[in-house]
Amino acid sequence: MKITEDVRKYAAEQGIAEEEALQKGLAEKSEEFTEKGREVYANA
Protein backbone atom coordinates (compact mmCIF):
# COMPACT_ATOMS: atom_id res chain seq x y z
CA MET A 1 0.00 0.00 0.00
CA LYS A 2 2.79 2.43 0.87
CA ILE A 3 4.48 1.90 -2.49
CA THR A 4 1.23 2.60 -4.33
CA GLU A 5 0.76 5.82 -2.37
CA ASP A 6 4.36 6.84 -3.11
CA VAL A 7 3.91 6.19 -6.84
CA ARG A 8 0.70 8.20 -6.96
CA LYS A 9 2.32 11.07 -5.06
CA TYR A 10 5.40 11.03 -7.32
CA ALA A 11 3.23 10.94 -10.45
CA ALA A 12 1.18 13.90 -9.22
CA GLU A 13 4.31 15.88 -8.37
CA GLN A 14 5.82 15.18 -11.79
CA GLY A 15 2.54 15.78 -13.63
CA ILE A 16 2.67 12.36 -15.28
CA ALA A 17 0.46 9.25 -15.34
CA GLU A 18 0.98 6.54 -12.72
CA GLU A 19 2.08 4.01 -15.37
CA GLU A 20 4.64 6.47 -16.71
CA ALA A 21 5.89 7.08 -13.16
CA LEU A 22 6.36 3.33 -12.68
CA GLN A 23 8.32 3.01 -15.93
CA LYS A 24 10.48 6.01 -15.08
CA GLY A 25 11.18 4.67 -11.58
CA LEU A 26 12.11 1.23 -12.92
CA ALA A 27 14.46 2.80 -15.46
CA GLU A 28 16.15 4.86 -12.75
CA LYS A 29 16.61 1.80 -10.50
CA SER A 30 17.99 -0.19 -13.44
CA GLU A 31 20.56 2.53 -14.11
CA GLU A 32 21.47 2.66 -10.42
CA PHE A 33 21.91 -1.12 -10.36
CA THR A 34 24.23 -0.99 -13.38
CA GLU A 35 26.29 1.86 -11.90
CA LYS A 36 26.81 -0.10 -8.69
CA GLY A 37 28.32 -3.06 -10.49
CA ARG A 38 25.26 -5.25 -11.12
CA GLU A 39 25.72 -7.12 -7.85
CA VAL A 40 22.60 -8.38 -6.09
CA TYR A 41 24.41 -8.65 -2.78
CA ALA A 42 26.81 -5.74 -2.34
CA ASN A 43 29.68 -6.00 0.11
CA ALA A 44 28.95 -3.77 3.05
C-alpha atoms as a PDB file:
ATOM      1  CA  MET A   1       0.000   0.000   0.000  1.00  0.00           C
ATOM      2  CA  LYS A   2       2.788   2.427   0.874  1.00  0.00           C
ATOM      3  CA  ILE A   3       4.479   1.896  -2.488  1.00  0.00           C
ATOM      4  CA  THR A   4       1.227   2.596  -4.331  1.00  0.00           C
ATOM      5  CA  GLU A   5       0.763   5.824  -2.373  1.00  0.00           C
ATOM      6  CA  ASP A   6       4.357   6.841  -3.115  1.00  0.00           C
ATOM      7  CA  VAL A   7       3.912   6.191  -6.841  1.00  0.00           C
ATOM      8  CA  ARG A   8       0.704   8.197  -6.958  1.00  0.00           C
ATOM      9  CA  LYS A   9       2.322  11.069  -5.065  1.00  0.00           C
ATOM     10  CA  TYR A  10       5.403  11.025  -7.323  1.00  0.00           C
ATOM     11  CA  ALA A  11       3.226  10.943 -10.454  1.00  0.00           C
ATOM     12  CA  ALA A  12       1.180  13.899  -9.219  1.00  0.00           C
ATOM     13  CA  GLU A  13       4.312  15.884  -8.365  1.00  0.00           C
ATOM     14  CA  GLN A  14       5.824  15.183 -11.789  1.00  0.00           C
ATOM     15  CA  GLY A  15       2.539  15.775 -13.633  1.00  0.00           C
ATOM     16  CA  ILE A  16       2.669  12.356 -15.284  1.00  0.00           C
ATOM     17  CA  ALA A  17       0.462   9.249 -15.337  1.00  0.00           C
ATOM     18  CA  GLU A  18       0.983   6.539 -12.724  1.00  0.00           C
ATOM     19  CA  GLU A  19       2.081   4.011 -15.365  1.00  0.00           C
ATOM     20  CA  GLU A  20       4.645   6.472 -16.708  1.00  0.00           C
ATOM     21  CA  ALA A  21       5.889   7.083 -13.157  1.00  0.00           C
ATOM     22  CA  LEU A  22       6.361   3.334 -12.680  1.00  0.00           C
ATOM     23  CA  GLN A  23       8.316   3.013 -15.928  1.00  0.00           C
ATOM     24  CA  LYS A  24      10.482   6.012 -15.077  1.00  0.00           C
ATOM     25  CA  GLY A  25      11.184   4.666 -11.584  1.00  0.00           C
ATOM     26  CA  LEU A  26      12.114   1.229 -12.918  1.00  0.00           C
ATOM     27  CA  ALA A  27      14.459   2.804 -15.465  1.00  0.00           C
ATOM     28  CA  GLU A  28      16.148   4.865 -12.747  1.00  0.00           C
ATOM     29  CA  LYS A  29      16.606   1.797 -10.502  1.00  0.00           C
ATOM     30  CA  SER A  30      17.991  -0.188 -13.440  1.00  0.00           C
ATOM     31  CA  GLU A  31      20.557   2.529 -14.113  1.00  0.00           C
ATOM     32  CA  GLU A  32      21.474   2.665 -10.419  1.00  0.00           C
ATOM     33  CA  PHE A  33      21.914  -1.123 -10.357  1.00  0.00           C
ATOM     34  CA  THR A  34      24.228  -0.995 -13.379  1.00  0.00           C
ATOM     35  CA  GLU A  35      26.293   1.856 -11.905  1.00  0.00           C
ATOM     36  CA  LYS A  36      26.809  -0.095  -8.687  1.00  0.00           C
ATOM     37  CA  GLY A  37      28.316  -3.059 -10.492  1.00  0.00           C
ATOM     38  CA  ARG A  38      25.264  -5.251 -11.119  1.00  0.00           C
ATOM     39  CA  GLU A  39      25.723  -7.124  -7.853  1.00  0.00           C
ATOM     40  CA  VAL A  40      22.604  -8.383  -6.090  1.00  0.00           C
ATOM     41  CA  TYR A  41      24.410  -8.648  -2.778  1.00  0.00           C
ATOM     42  CA  ALA A  42      26.805  -5.744  -2.340  1.00  0.00           C
ATOM     43  CA  ASN A  43      29.680  -6.002   0.108  1.00  0.00           C
ATOM     44  CA  ALA A  44      28.953  -3.771   3.054  1.00  0.00           C
END
